[in-house]
PDB file of all heavy atoms in Angstrom:
ATOM      1  N   TYR A   1      43.871  56.572 103.762  1.00  0.00           N
ATOM      2  CA  TYR A   1      44.744  56.483 104.909  1.00  0.00           C
ATOM      3  C   TYR A   1      45.581  55.213 104.921  1.00  0.00           C
ATOM      4  O   TYR A   1      46.820  55.277 105.010  1.00  0.00           O
ATOM      5  CB  TYR A   1      43.825  56.583 106.206  1.00  0.00           C
ATOM      6  CG  TYR A   1      44.582  56.400 107.514  1.00  0.00           C
ATOM      7  CD1 TYR A   1      45.219  57.493 108.049  1.00  0.00           C
ATOM      8  CD2 TYR A   1      44.542  55.194 108.219  1.00  0.00           C
ATOM      9  CE1 TYR A   1      45.845  57.372 109.329  1.00  0.00           C
ATOM     10  CE2 TYR A   1      45.138  55.113 109.476  1.00  0.00           C
ATOM     11  CZ  TYR A   1      45.811  56.198 110.004  1.00  0.00           C
ATOM     12  OH  TYR A   1      46.401  56.054 111.228  1.00  0.00           O
ATOM     13  N   GLU A   2      45.007  54.076 104.865  1.00  0.00           N
ATOM     14  CA  GLU A   2      45.728  52.776 105.006  1.00  0.00           C
ATOM     15  C   GLU A   2      46.726  52.590 103.806  1.00  0.00           C
ATOM     16  O   GLU A   2      47.909  52.272 104.043  1.00  0.00           O
ATOM     17  CB  GLU A   2      44.795  51.582 105.138  1.00  0.00           C
ATOM     18  CG  GLU A   2      43.929  51.590 106.396  1.00  0.00           C
ATOM     19  CD  GLU A   2      44.715  51.296 107.663  1.00  0.00           C
ATOM     20  OE1 GLU A   2      45.926  51.004 107.581  1.00  0.00           O
ATOM     21  OE2 GLU A   2      44.142  51.353 108.761  1.00  0.00           O
ATOM     22  N   PRO A   3      46.265  52.771 102.579  1.00  0.00           N
ATOM     23  CA  PRO A   3      47.231  52.619 101.458  1.00  0.00           C
ATOM     24  C   PRO A   3      48.407  53.642 101.551  1.00  0.00           C
ATOM     25  O   PRO A   3      49.527  53.281 101.237  1.00  0.00           O
ATOM     26  CB  PRO A   3      46.407  52.841 100.237  1.00  0.00           C
ATOM     27  CG  PRO A   3      44.987  52.416 100.614  1.00  0.00           C
ATOM     28  CD  PRO A   3      44.924  52.884 102.048  1.00  0.00           C
ATOM     29  N   TYR A   4      48.128  54.829 102.016  1.00  0.00           N
ATOM     30  CA  TYR A   4      49.153  55.870 102.141  1.00  0.00           C
ATOM     31  C   TYR A   4      50.194  55.377 103.146  1.00  0.00           C
ATOM     32  O   TYR A   4      51.442  55.472 102.857  1.00  0.00           O
ATOM     33  CB  TYR A   4      48.566  57.190 102.562  1.00  0.00           C
ATOM     34  CG  TYR A   4      49.617  58.229 102.785  1.00  0.00           C
ATOM     35  CD1 TYR A   4      50.189  58.909 101.677  1.00  0.00           C
ATOM     36  CD2 TYR A   4      50.056  58.555 104.048  1.00  0.00           C
ATOM     37  CE1 TYR A   4      51.150  59.873 101.877  1.00  0.00           C
ATOM     38  CE2 TYR A   4      51.021  59.491 104.219  1.00  0.00           C
ATOM     39  CZ  TYR A   4      51.612  60.159 103.128  1.00  0.00           C
ATOM     40  OH  TYR A   4      52.596  61.130 103.343  1.00  0.00           O
ATOM     41  N   ILE A   5      49.802  54.860 104.317  1.00  0.00           N
ATOM     42  CA  ILE A   5      50.768  54.365 105.263  1.00  0.00           C
ATOM     43  C   ILE A   5      51.561  53.213 104.690  1.00  0.00           C
ATOM     44  O   ILE A   5      52.818  53.183 104.823  1.00  0.00           O
ATOM     45  CB  ILE A   5      50.043  53.887 106.554  1.00  0.00           C
ATOM     46  CG1 ILE A   5      49.369  55.075 107.251  1.00  0.00           C
ATOM     47  CG2 ILE A   5      51.030  53.219 107.527  1.00  0.00           C
ATOM     48  CD1 ILE A   5      48.494  54.695 108.449  1.00  0.00           C
ATOM     49  N   PHE A   6      50.888  52.306 104.013  1.00  0.00           N
ATOM     50  CA  PHE A   6      51.563  51.113 103.457  1.00  0.00           C
ATOM     51  C   PHE A   6      52.648  51.551 102.427  1.00  0.00           C
ATOM     52  O   PHE A   6      53.726  51.008 102.365  1.00  0.00           O
ATOM     53  CB  PHE A   6      50.542  50.240 102.801  1.00  0.00           C
ATOM     54  CG  PHE A   6      51.110  48.980 102.204  1.00  0.00           C
ATOM     55  CD1 PHE A   6      51.544  47.955 103.004  1.00  0.00           C
ATOM     56  CD2 PHE A   6      51.224  48.826 100.837  1.00  0.00           C
ATOM     57  CE1 PHE A   6      52.092  46.800 102.473  1.00  0.00           C
ATOM     58  CE2 PHE A   6      51.769  47.682 100.243  1.00  0.00           C
ATOM     59  CZ  PHE A   6      52.189  46.640 101.063  1.00  0.00           C
ATOM     60  N   GLU A   7      52.327  52.529 101.588  1.00  0.00           N
ATOM     61  CA  GLU A   7      53.196  52.930 100.534  1.00  0.00           C
ATOM     62  C   GLU A   7      54.333  53.875 101.005  1.00  0.00           C
ATOM     63  O   GLU A   7      55.444  53.850 100.477  1.00  0.00           O
ATOM     64  CB  GLU A   7      52.426  53.617  99.425  1.00  0.00           C
ATOM     65  CG  GLU A   7      51.481  52.678  98.679  1.00  0.00           C
ATOM     66  CD  GLU A   7      50.466  53.397  97.863  1.00  0.00           C
ATOM     67  OE1 GLU A   7      50.499  54.640  97.780  1.00  0.00           O
ATOM     68  OE2 GLU A   7      49.558  52.709  97.292  1.00  0.00           O
ATOM     69  N   SER A   8      54.035  54.670 102.065  1.00  0.00           N
ATOM     70  CA  SER A   8      55.008  55.746 102.439  1.00  0.00           C
ATOM     71  C   SER A   8      55.745  55.434 103.728  1.00  0.00           C
ATOM     72  O   SER A   8      56.776  56.038 103.999  1.00  0.00           O
ATOM     73  CB  SER A   8      54.294  57.050 102.566  1.00  0.00           C
ATOM     74  OG  SER A   8      53.435  57.037 103.718  1.00  0.00           O
ATOM     75  N   GLY A   9      55.164  54.571 104.616  1.00  0.00           N
ATOM     76  CA  GLY A   9      55.760  54.358 105.945  1.00  0.00           C
ATOM     77  C   GLY A   9      55.544  55.586 106.838  1.00  0.00           C
ATOM     78  O   GLY A   9      56.256  55.738 107.852  1.00  0.00           O
ATOM     79  N   ARG A  10      54.554  56.407 106.540  1.00  0.00           N
ATOM     80  CA  ARG A  10      54.258  57.604 107.288  1.00  0.00           C
ATOM     81  C   ARG A  10      52.838  57.518 107.792  1.00  0.00           C
ATOM     82  O   ARG A  10      51.906  57.177 107.039  1.00  0.00           O
ATOM     83  CB  ARG A  10      54.430  58.841 106.399  1.00  0.00           C
ATOM     84  CG  ARG A  10      55.935  59.094 106.035  1.00  0.00           C
ATOM     85  CD  ARG A  10      56.025  59.843 104.726  1.00  0.00           C
ATOM     86  NE  ARG A  10      55.442  61.168 104.706  1.00  0.00           N
ATOM     87  CZ  ARG A  10      56.083  62.297 105.020  1.00  0.00           C
ATOM     88  NH1 ARG A  10      57.376  62.188 105.346  1.00  0.00           N
ATOM     89  NH2 ARG A  10      55.525  63.481 104.977  1.00  0.00           N
ATOM     90  N   VAL A  11      52.613  57.826 109.085  1.00  0.00           N
ATOM     91  CA  VAL A  11      51.285  57.677 109.696  1.00  0.00           C
ATOM     92  C   VAL A  11      50.730  59.080 109.948  1.00  0.00           C
ATOM     93  O   VAL A  11      51.147  59.779 110.875  1.00  0.00           O
ATOM     94  CB  VAL A  11      51.402  56.929 111.080  1.00  0.00           C
ATOM     95  CG1 VAL A  11      50.036  56.747 111.667  1.00  0.00           C
ATOM     96  CG2 VAL A  11      52.047  55.551 110.849  1.00  0.00           C
ATOM     97  N   PRO A  12      49.701  59.489 109.169  1.00  0.00           N
ATOM     98  CA  PRO A  12      49.069  60.784 109.406  1.00  0.00           C
ATOM     99  C   PRO A  12      48.404  60.758 110.814  1.00  0.00           C
ATOM    100  O   PRO A  12      47.676  59.789 111.156  1.00  0.00           O
ATOM    101  CB  PRO A  12      48.040  60.868 108.315  1.00  0.00           C
ATOM    102  CG  PRO A  12      48.592  60.016 107.209  1.00  0.00           C
ATOM    103  CD  PRO A  12      49.207  58.877 107.929  1.00  0.00           C
ATOM    104  N   THR A  13      48.622  61.806 111.546  1.00  0.00           N
ATOM    105  CA  THR A  13      48.202  61.817 112.967  1.00  0.00           C
ATOM    106  C   THR A  13      47.513  63.113 113.315  1.00  0.00           C
ATOM    107  O   THR A  13      48.092  64.191 113.112  1.00  0.00           O
ATOM    108  CB  THR A  13      49.414  61.603 113.838  1.00  0.00           C
ATOM    109  OG1 THR A  13      50.070  60.361 113.486  1.00  0.00           O
ATOM    110  CG2 THR A  13      49.043  61.553 115.312  1.00  0.00           C
ATOM    111  N   ARG A  14      46.336  62.972 113.839  1.00  0.00           N
ATOM    112  CA  ARG A  14      45.558  64.162 114.334  1.00  0.00           C
ATOM    113  C   ARG A  14      45.875  64.416 115.800  1.00  0.00           C
ATOM    114  O   ARG A  14      46.471  63.571 116.484  1.00  0.00           O
ATOM    115  CB  ARG A  14      44.058  63.904 114.168  1.00  0.00           C
ATOM    116  CG  ARG A  14      43.664  63.626 112.730  1.00  0.00           C
ATOM    117  CD  ARG A  14      42.225  63.067 112.692  1.00  0.00           C
ATOM    118  NE  ARG A  14      42.188  61.813 113.397  1.00  0.00           N
ATOM    119  CZ  ARG A  14      41.117  61.006 113.454  1.00  0.00           C
ATOM    120  NH1 ARG A  14      39.955  61.367 112.885  1.00  0.00           N
ATOM    121  NH2 ARG A  14      41.106  59.864 114.103  1.00  0.00           N
ATOM    122  N   GLU A  15      45.453  65.533 116.322  1.00  0.00           N
ATOM    123  CA  GLU A  15      45.578  65.787 117.711  1.00  0.00           C
ATOM    124  C   GLU A  15      44.458  65.021 118.447  1.00  0.00           C
ATOM    125  O   GLU A  15      43.489  64.590 117.899  1.00  0.00           O
ATOM    126  CB  GLU A  15      45.440  67.305 118.002  1.00  0.00           C
ATOM    127  CG  GLU A  15      46.564  68.104 117.350  1.00  0.00           C
ATOM    128  CD  GLU A  15      47.949  67.590 117.606  1.00  0.00           C
ATOM    129  OE1 GLU A  15      48.282  67.316 118.774  1.00  0.00           O
ATOM    130  OE2 GLU A  15      48.693  67.367 116.638  1.00  0.00           O
ATOM    131  N   GLY A  16      44.626  64.934 119.783  1.00  0.00           N
ATOM    132  CA  GLY A  16      43.591  64.262 120.633  1.00  0.00           C
ATOM    133  C   GLY A  16      44.020  62.825 121.034  1.00  0.00           C
ATOM    134  O   GLY A  16      45.002  62.292 120.578  1.00  0.00           O
ATOM    135  N   LEU A  17      43.167  62.284 121.906  1.00  0.00           N
ATOM    136  CA  LEU A  17      43.455  61.008 122.523  1.00  0.00           C
ATOM    137  C   LEU A  17      43.500  59.850 121.506  1.00  0.00           C
ATOM    138  O   LEU A  17      44.331  58.977 121.626  1.00  0.00           O
ATOM    139  CB  LEU A  17      42.404  60.676 123.605  1.00  0.00           C
ATOM    140  CG  LEU A  17      42.475  61.547 124.841  1.00  0.00           C
ATOM    141  CD1 LEU A  17      41.129  61.420 125.619  1.00  0.00           C
ATOM    142  CD2 LEU A  17      43.618  61.083 125.708  1.00  0.00           C
ATOM    143  N   HIS A  18      42.574  59.836 120.560  1.00  0.00           N
ATOM    144  CA  HIS A  18      42.441  58.674 119.659  1.00  0.00           C
ATOM    145  C   HIS A  18      43.737  58.407 118.895  1.00  0.00           C
ATOM    146  O   HIS A  18      44.243  57.317 118.927  1.00  0.00           O
ATOM    147  CB  HIS A  18      41.287  58.935 118.674  1.00  0.00           C
ATOM    148  CG  HIS A  18      40.912  57.719 117.898  1.00  0.00           C
ATOM    149  ND1 HIS A  18      40.045  56.718 118.392  1.00  0.00           N
ATOM    150  CD2 HIS A  18      41.265  57.316 116.667  1.00  0.00           C
ATOM    151  CE1 HIS A  18      39.893  55.798 117.470  1.00  0.00           C
ATOM    152  NE2 HIS A  18      40.642  56.164 116.395  1.00  0.00           N
ATOM    153  N   ASP A  19      44.243  59.436 118.256  1.00  0.00           N
ATOM    154  CA  ASP A  19      45.435  59.267 117.482  1.00  0.00           C
ATOM    155  C   ASP A  19      46.735  59.166 118.289  1.00  0.00           C
ATOM    156  O   ASP A  19      47.699  58.547 117.897  1.00  0.00           O
ATOM    157  CB  ASP A  19      45.566  60.360 116.423  1.00  0.00           C
ATOM    158  CG  ASP A  19      44.705  60.092 115.237  1.00  0.00           C
ATOM    159  OD1 ASP A  19      43.722  59.312 115.334  1.00  0.00           O
ATOM    160  OD2 ASP A  19      44.940  60.714 114.114  1.00  0.00           O
ATOM    161  N   PHE A  20      46.680  59.749 119.519  1.00  0.00           N
ATOM    162  CA  PHE A  20      47.804  59.569 120.423  1.00  0.00           C
ATOM    163  C   PHE A  20      47.910  58.085 120.797  1.00  0.00           C
ATOM    164  O   PHE A  20      48.999  57.531 120.726  1.00  0.00           O
ATOM    165  CB  PHE A  20      47.655  60.441 121.663  1.00  0.00           C
ATOM    166  CG  PHE A  20      48.725  60.176 122.670  1.00  0.00           C
ATOM    167  CD1 PHE A  20      49.954  60.790 122.544  1.00  0.00           C
ATOM    168  CD2 PHE A  20      48.548  59.355 123.823  1.00  0.00           C
ATOM    169  CE1 PHE A  20      50.986  60.584 123.477  1.00  0.00           C
ATOM    170  CE2 PHE A  20      49.538  59.149 124.737  1.00  0.00           C
ATOM    171  CZ  PHE A  20      50.767  59.759 124.575  1.00  0.00           C
ATOM    172  N   PHE A  21      46.842  57.499 121.199  1.00  0.00           N
ATOM    173  CA  PHE A  21      46.924  56.086 121.579  1.00  0.00           C
ATOM    174  C   PHE A  21      47.213  55.192 120.379  1.00  0.00           C
ATOM    175  O   PHE A  21      47.896  54.173 120.544  1.00  0.00           O
ATOM    176  CB  PHE A  21      45.575  55.640 122.273  1.00  0.00           C
ATOM    177  CG  PHE A  21      45.432  56.150 123.664  1.00  0.00           C
ATOM    178  CD1 PHE A  21      44.318  56.816 124.066  1.00  0.00           C
ATOM    179  CD2 PHE A  21      46.394  55.951 124.575  1.00  0.00           C
ATOM    180  CE1 PHE A  21      44.098  57.271 125.336  1.00  0.00           C
ATOM    181  CE2 PHE A  21      46.293  56.421 125.914  1.00  0.00           C
ATOM    182  CZ  PHE A  21      45.120  57.108 126.296  1.00  0.00           C
ATOM    183  N   ASN A  22      46.693  55.544 119.171  1.00  0.00           N
ATOM    184  CA  ASN A  22      47.041  54.800 118.019  1.00  0.00           C
ATOM    185  C   ASN A  22      48.572  54.813 117.816  1.00  0.00           C
ATOM    186  O   ASN A  22      49.200  53.775 117.538  1.00  0.00           O
ATOM    187  CB  ASN A  22      46.365  55.378 116.785  1.00  0.00           C
ATOM    188  CG  ASN A  22      46.700  54.651 115.494  1.00  0.00           C
ATOM    189  OD1 ASN A  22      46.592  53.440 115.435  1.00  0.00           O
ATOM    190  ND2 ASN A  22      47.135  55.369 114.511  1.00  0.00           N
ATOM    191  N   GLY A  23      49.160  55.950 117.930  1.00  0.00           N
ATOM    192  CA  GLY A  23      50.579  56.094 117.817  1.00  0.00           C
ATOM    193  C   GLY A  23      51.351  55.319 118.890  1.00  0.00           C
ATOM    194  O   GLY A  23      52.361  54.680 118.615  1.00  0.00           O
ATOM    195  N   LEU A  24      50.830  55.319 120.109  1.00  0.00           N
ATOM    196  CA  LEU A  24      51.482  54.630 121.199  1.00  0.00           C
ATOM    197  C   LEU A  24      51.464  53.118 120.932  1.00  0.00           C
ATOM    198  O   LEU A  24      52.444  52.381 121.233  1.00  0.00           O
ATOM    199  CB  LEU A  24      50.758  54.944 122.510  1.00  0.00           C
ATOM    200  CG  LEU A  24      51.479  54.735 123.800  1.00  0.00           C
ATOM    201  CD1 LEU A  24      52.852  55.365 123.817  1.00  0.00           C
ATOM    202  CD2 LEU A  24      50.637  55.184 124.973  1.00  0.00           C
ATOM    203  N   ILE A  25      50.392  52.588 120.352  1.00  0.00           N
ATOM    204  CA  ILE A  25      50.350  51.147 119.981  1.00  0.00           C
ATOM    205  C   ILE A  25      51.345  50.860 118.845  1.00  0.00           C
ATOM    206  O   ILE A  25      51.988  49.814 118.844  1.00  0.00           O
ATOM    207  CB  ILE A  25      48.920  50.753 119.629  1.00  0.00           C
ATOM    208  CG1 ILE A  25      47.984  50.864 120.853  1.00  0.00           C
ATOM    209  CG2 ILE A  25      48.889  49.300 119.142  1.00  0.00           C
ATOM    210  CD1 ILE A  25      48.424  49.997 122.051  1.00  0.00           C
ATOM    211  N   TRP A  26      51.468  51.816 117.892  1.00  0.00           N
ATOM    212  CA  TRP A  26      52.530  51.616 116.856  1.00  0.00           C
ATOM    213  C   TRP A  26      53.866  51.487 117.509  1.00  0.00           C
ATOM    214  O   TRP A  26      54.711  50.671 117.074  1.00  0.00           O
ATOM    215  CB  TRP A  26      52.540  52.808 115.937  1.00  0.00           C
ATOM    216  CG  TRP A  26      51.664  52.693 114.717  1.00  0.00           C
ATOM    217  CD1 TRP A  26      50.414  53.278 114.480  1.00  0.00           C
ATOM    218  CD2 TRP A  26      51.986  51.980 113.499  1.00  0.00           C
ATOM    219  NE1 TRP A  26      49.994  52.992 113.204  1.00  0.00           N
ATOM    220  CE2 TRP A  26      50.926  52.181 112.583  1.00  0.00           C
ATOM    221  CE3 TRP A  26      53.085  51.216 113.063  1.00  0.00           C
ATOM    222  CZ2 TRP A  26      50.903  51.630 111.335  1.00  0.00           C
ATOM    223  CZ3 TRP A  26      53.082  50.665 111.809  1.00  0.00           C
ATOM    224  CH2 TRP A  26      52.006  50.883 110.945  1.00  0.00           C
ATOM    225  N   LEU A  27      54.166  52.250 118.519  1.00  0.00           N
ATOM    226  CA  LEU A  27      55.477  52.189 119.188  1.00  0.00           C
ATOM    227  C   LEU A  27      55.697  50.856 119.914  1.00  0.00           C
ATOM    228  O   LEU A  27      56.823  50.374 119.956  1.00  0.00           O
ATOM    229  CB  LEU A  27      55.621  53.330 120.173  1.00  0.00           C
ATOM    230  CG  LEU A  27      55.589  54.753 119.640  1.00  0.00           C
ATOM    231  CD1 LEU A  27      55.795  55.791 120.747  1.00  0.00           C
ATOM    232  CD2 LEU A  27      56.640  54.965 118.510  1.00  0.00           C
ATOM    233  N   HIS A  28      54.635  50.291 120.476  1.00  0.00           N
ATOM    234  CA  HIS A  28      54.772  49.061 121.244  1.00  0.00           C
ATOM    235  C   HIS A  28      54.633  47.804 120.422  1.00  0.00           C
ATOM    236  O   HIS A  28      55.196  46.745 120.754  1.00  0.00           O
ATOM    237  CB  HIS A  28      53.734  49.045 122.377  1.00  0.00           C
ATOM    238  CG  HIS A  28      54.123  49.979 123.509  1.00  0.00           C
ATOM    239  ND1 HIS A  28      53.835  51.296 123.523  1.00  0.00           N
ATOM    240  CD2 HIS A  28      54.704  49.692 124.699  1.00  0.00           C
ATOM    241  CE1 HIS A  28      54.265  51.865 124.619  1.00  0.00           C
ATOM    242  NE2 HIS A  28      54.764  50.896 125.402  1.00  0.00           N
ATOM    243  N   PHE A  29      53.856  47.875 119.336  1.00  0.00           N
ATOM    244  CA  PHE A  29      53.591  46.681 118.488  1.00  0.00           C
ATOM    245  C   PHE A  29      53.781  47.025 117.056  1.00  0.00           C
ATOM    246  O   PHE A  29      52.822  46.915 116.210  1.00  0.00           O
ATOM    247  CB  PHE A  29      52.181  46.187 118.750  1.00  0.00           C
ATOM    248  CG  PHE A  29      51.829  45.776 120.142  1.00  0.00           C
ATOM    249  CD1 PHE A  29      51.199  46.697 120.994  1.00  0.00           C
ATOM    250  CD2 PHE A  29      52.210  44.552 120.637  1.00  0.00           C
ATOM    251  CE1 PHE A  29      50.883  46.292 122.285  1.00  0.00           C
ATOM    252  CE2 PHE A  29      51.886  44.171 121.918  1.00  0.00           C
ATOM    253  CZ  PHE A  29      51.260  45.040 122.786  1.00  0.00           C
ATOM    254  N   PRO A  30      54.957  47.459 116.659  1.00  0.00           N
ATOM    255  CA  PRO A  30      55.184  47.903 115.259  1.00  0.00           C
ATOM    256  C   PRO A  30      54.914  46.868 114.199  1.00  0.00           C
ATOM    257  O   PRO A  30      54.362  47.153 113.131  1.00  0.00           O
ATOM    258  CB  PRO A  30      56.608  48.402 115.255  1.00  0.00           C
ATOM    259  CG  PRO A  30      57.290  47.680 116.381  1.00  0.00           C
ATOM    260  CD  PRO A  30      56.226  47.571 117.422  1.00  0.00           C
ATOM    261  N   GLN A  31      55.338  45.625 114.434  1.00  0.00           N
ATOM    262  CA  GLN A  31      55.163  44.570 113.449  1.00  0.00           C
ATOM    263  C   GLN A  31      53.661  44.181 113.269  1.00  0.00           C
ATOM    264  O   GLN A  31      53.227  43.959 112.156  1.00  0.00           O
ATOM    265  CB  GLN A  31      55.978  43.339 113.845  1.00  0.00           C
ATOM    266  CG  GLN A  31      57.464  43.564 113.817  1.00  0.00           C
ATOM    267  CD  GLN A  31      58.234  42.299 114.119  1.00  0.00           C
ATOM    268  OE1 GLN A  31      58.395  41.416 113.245  1.00  0.00           O
ATOM    269  NE2 GLN A  31      58.701  42.180 115.347  1.00  0.00           N
ATOM    270  N   THR A  32      52.911  44.168 114.404  1.00  0.00           N
ATOM    271  CA  THR A  32      51.510  43.848 114.314  1.00  0.00           C
ATOM    272  C   THR A  32      50.797  44.972 113.602  1.00  0.00           C
ATOM    273  O   THR A  32      49.889  44.685 112.763  1.00  0.00           O
ATOM    274  CB  THR A  32      50.961  43.639 115.739  1.00  0.00           C
ATOM    275  OG1 THR A  32      51.691  42.599 116.357  1.00  0.00           O
ATOM    276  CG2 THR A  32      49.511  43.243 115.623  1.00  0.00           C
ATOM    277  N   LYS A  33      51.111  46.195 113.928  1.00  0.00           N
ATOM    278  CA  LYS A  33      50.440  47.354 113.235  1.00  0.00           C
ATOM    279  C   LYS A  33      50.773  47.313 111.743  1.00  0.00           C
ATOM    280  O   LYS A  33      49.874  47.555 110.914  1.00  0.00           O
ATOM    281  CB  LYS A  33      50.850  48.663 113.866  1.00  0.00           C
ATOM    282  CG  LYS A  33      50.318  48.868 115.277  1.00  0.00           C
ATOM    283  CD  LYS A  33      48.780  49.159 115.247  1.00  0.00           C
ATOM    284  CE  LYS A  33      48.520  50.575 114.882  1.00  0.00           C
ATOM    285  NZ  LYS A  33      47.071  50.890 115.029  1.00  0.00           N
ATOM    286  N   GLN A  34      51.990  47.029 111.393  1.00  0.00           N
ATOM    287  CA  GLN A  34      52.370  46.932 109.966  1.00  0.00           C
ATOM    288  C   GLN A  34      51.587  45.782 109.291  1.00  0.00           C
ATOM    289  O   GLN A  34      51.148  45.961 108.129  1.00  0.00           O
ATOM    290  CB  GLN A  34      53.862  46.733 109.833  1.00  0.00           C
ATOM    291  CG  GLN A  34      54.616  47.991 110.154  1.00  0.00           C
ATOM    292  CD  GLN A  34      56.151  47.751 110.248  1.00  0.00           C
ATOM    293  OE1 GLN A  34      56.606  46.625 110.232  1.00  0.00           O
ATOM    294  NE2 GLN A  34      56.927  48.827 110.350  1.00  0.00           N
ATOM    295  N   LYS A  35      51.395  44.685 109.992  1.00  0.00           N
ATOM    296  CA  LYS A  35      50.634  43.542 109.418  1.00  0.00           C
ATOM    297  C   LYS A  35      49.199  43.942 109.215  1.00  0.00           C
ATOM    298  O   LYS A  35      48.622  43.694 108.098  1.00  0.00           O
ATOM    299  CB  LYS A  35      50.740  42.395 110.335  1.00  0.00           C
ATOM    300  CG  LYS A  35      49.987  41.108 109.854  1.00  0.00           C
ATOM    301  CD  LYS A  35      50.634  40.604 108.534  1.00  0.00           C
ATOM    302  CE  LYS A  35      50.020  39.275 108.140  1.00  0.00           C
ATOM    303  NZ  LYS A  35      50.522  38.176 109.064  1.00  0.00           N
ATOM    304  N   LEU A  36      48.559  44.608 110.179  1.00  0.00           N
ATOM    305  CA  LEU A  36      47.192  45.039 109.992  1.00  0.00           C
ATOM    306  C   LEU A  36      47.047  46.010 108.856  1.00  0.00           C
ATOM    307  O   LEU A  36      46.158  45.969 108.071  1.00  0.00           O
ATOM    308  CB  LEU A  36      46.670  45.636 111.304  1.00  0.00           C
ATOM    309  CG  LEU A  36      46.431  44.698 112.474  1.00  0.00           C
ATOM    310  CD1 LEU A  36      46.221  45.452 113.768  1.00  0.00           C
ATOM    311  CD2 LEU A  36      45.239  43.770 112.212  1.00  0.00           C
ATOM    312  N   ASN A  37      47.994  46.928 108.762  1.00  0.00           N
ATOM    313  CA  ASN A  37      48.012  47.926 107.701  1.00  0.00           C
ATOM    314  C   ASN A  37      48.153  47.240 106.339  1.00  0.00           C
ATOM    315  O   ASN A  37      47.450  47.576 105.395  1.00  0.00           O
ATOM    316  CB  ASN A  37      49.136  48.908 107.909  1.00  0.00           C
ATOM    317  CG  ASN A  37      49.331  49.855 106.701  1.00  0.00           C
ATOM    318  OD1 ASN A  37      50.367  49.852 106.084  1.00  0.00           O
ATOM    319  ND2 ASN A  37      48.320  50.695 106.414  1.00  0.00           N
ATOM    320  N   ALA A  38      49.043  46.234 106.264  1.00  0.00           N
ATOM    321  CA  ALA A  38      49.212  45.534 105.004  1.00  0.00           C
ATOM    322  C   ALA A  38      47.948  44.779 104.592  1.00  0.00           C
ATOM    323  O   ALA A  38      47.600  44.720 103.402  1.00  0.00           O
ATOM    324  CB  ALA A  38      50.385  44.563 105.110  1.00  0.00           C
ATOM    325  N   LEU A  39      47.271  44.156 105.569  1.00  0.00           N
ATOM    326  CA  LEU A  39      46.052  43.430 105.296  1.00  0.00           C
ATOM    327  C   LEU A  39      44.994  44.432 104.780  1.00  0.00           C
ATOM    328  O   LEU A  39      44.237  44.144 103.788  1.00  0.00           O
ATOM    329  CB  LEU A  39      45.516  42.779 106.570  1.00  0.00           C
ATOM    330  CG  LEU A  39      46.335  41.519 106.999  1.00  0.00           C
ATOM    331  CD1 LEU A  39      45.820  41.099 108.398  1.00  0.00           C
ATOM    332  CD2 LEU A  39      46.253  40.397 106.043  1.00  0.00           C
ATOM    333  N   GLN A  40      44.886  45.581 105.402  1.00  0.00           N
ATOM    334  CA  GLN A  40      43.907  46.584 104.971  1.00  0.00           C
ATOM    335  C   GLN A  40      44.235  47.088 103.567  1.00  0.00           C
ATOM    336  O   GLN A  40      43.354  47.179 102.711  1.00  0.00           O
ATOM    337  CB  GLN A  40      43.866  47.792 105.946  1.00  0.00           C
ATOM    338  CG  GLN A  40      43.379  47.433 107.352  1.00  0.00           C
ATOM    339  CD  GLN A  40      41.884  47.685 107.454  1.00  0.00           C
ATOM    340  OE1 GLN A  40      41.153  47.733 106.471  1.00  0.00           O
ATOM    341  NE2 GLN A  40      41.408  47.851 108.705  1.00  0.00           N
ATOM    342  N   ALA A  41      45.482  47.431 103.339  1.00  0.00           N
ATOM    343  CA  ALA A  41      45.888  47.990 102.073  1.00  0.00           C
ATOM    344  C   ALA A  41      45.677  46.975 100.927  1.00  0.00           C
ATOM    345  O   ALA A  41      45.236  47.288  99.853  1.00  0.00           O
ATOM    346  CB  ALA A  41      47.331  48.451 102.115  1.00  0.00           C
ATOM    347  N   SER A  42      46.031  45.686 101.237  1.00  0.00           N
ATOM    348  CA  SER A  42      45.815  44.628 100.221  1.00  0.00           C
ATOM    349  C   SER A  42      44.353  44.474  99.874  1.00  0.00           C
ATOM    350  O   SER A  42      44.028  44.321  98.648  1.00  0.00           O
ATOM    351  CB  SER A  42      46.433  43.308 100.771  1.00  0.00           C
ATOM    352  OG  SER A  42      46.164  42.280  99.841  1.00  0.00           O
TER     353      SER A  42
END
């Protein structure tokens, strides 16, 4: 999951509350989410 997002810029998203809120945080804090993703992928 994390390396795929880092390499593609695409966030795989399931239905339900968990991934909805994950996406909502991406919309509000895109740079922070990208930083966390980069740390995970690295």
